[in-house]
Amino acid sequence: MNAWQYKIINIRSENYRLDPNAAEQMNRLGQEGWELVSITSVNFKSGATDNIAMVFKRPAQE
């Protein structure tokens, strides 16, 4: 049976756009073996998307 590690990253969304610097962080995670498996908008009572939550997984380190 496979064991997994998970990581959740919240990235700020302004004017319906993600910060372009987020790509650097995502590339770094990819180099560390993390795979993006889910993305969802996060709304904090405003009705607008304030953040994007990204869930990554990779095989558990033994």
Protein backbone atom coordinates (compact mmCIF):
# COMPACT_ATOMS: atom_id res chain seq x y z
CA MET A 1 0.00 0.00 0.00
CA ASN A 2 1.28 3.49 -0.88
CA ALA A 3 1.73 6.11 1.81
CA TRP A 4 1.45 9.79 0.89
CA GLN A 5 2.47 13.14 2.30
CA TYR A 6 0.23 16.13 1.67
CA LYS A 7 0.93 19.85 1.61
CA ILE A 8 -1.63 22.67 1.34
CA ILE A 9 -0.52 26.04 -0.01
CA ASN A 10 -2.71 29.16 -0.02
CA ILE A 11 -1.85 31.73 -2.68
CA ARG A 12 -3.34 35.21 -2.61
CA SER A 13 -5.61 36.14 -5.51
CA GLU A 14 -6.00 39.82 -6.38
CA ASN A 15 -8.08 41.25 -9.22
CA TYR A 16 -8.95 37.69 -10.28
CA ARG A 17 -5.28 36.87 -10.88
CA LEU A 18 -2.67 34.84 -9.08
CA ASP A 19 0.61 36.40 -8.11
CA PRO A 20 3.06 35.55 -10.93
CA ASN A 21 5.68 34.77 -8.27
CA ALA A 22 3.55 31.77 -7.25
CA ALA A 23 4.96 29.90 -10.26
CA GLU A 24 8.42 30.00 -8.68
CA GLN A 25 7.08 28.39 -5.50
CA MET A 26 5.17 25.75 -7.49
CA ASN A 27 8.23 24.93 -9.60
CA ARG A 28 10.28 24.49 -6.42
CA LEU A 29 7.65 22.12 -5.01
CA GLY A 30 7.71 20.13 -8.26
CA GLN A 31 11.48 19.78 -8.01
CA GLU A 32 10.99 18.43 -4.48
CA GLY A 33 8.65 15.74 -5.83
CA TRP A 34 5.32 17.37 -4.97
CA GLU A 35 2.46 16.93 -7.46
CA LEU A 36 -0.52 19.32 -7.62
CA VAL A 37 -3.66 17.20 -7.16
CA SER A 38 -6.37 19.75 -6.31
CA ILE A 39 -7.06 23.46 -6.51
CA THR A 40 -10.01 25.40 -5.11
CA SER A 41 -11.02 28.97 -4.42
CA VAL A 42 -11.18 30.17 -0.83
CA ASN A 43 -13.65 32.90 0.11
CA PHE A 44 -13.39 34.71 3.42
CA LYS A 45 -16.88 36.18 3.93
CA SER A 46 -16.48 38.62 1.05
CA GLY A 47 -18.08 36.52 -1.67
CA ALA A 48 -14.98 37.03 -3.80
CA THR A 49 -12.08 34.66 -4.24
CA ASP A 50 -9.41 35.92 -1.86
CA ASN A 51 -7.07 32.94 -2.03
CA ILE A 52 -6.48 29.82 -4.04
CA ALA A 53 -5.85 26.65 -2.01
CA MET A 54 -3.63 24.10 -3.70
CA VAL A 55 -3.18 20.56 -2.44
CA PHE A 56 0.01 18.72 -3.33
CA LYS A 57 1.02 15.13 -2.63
CA ARG A 58 4.14 13.01 -2.93
CA PRO A 59 5.13 9.54 -1.79
CA ALA A 60 5.90 9.49 1.94
CA GLN A 61 9.57 9.80 2.82
CA GLU A 62 10.76 6.81 4.80
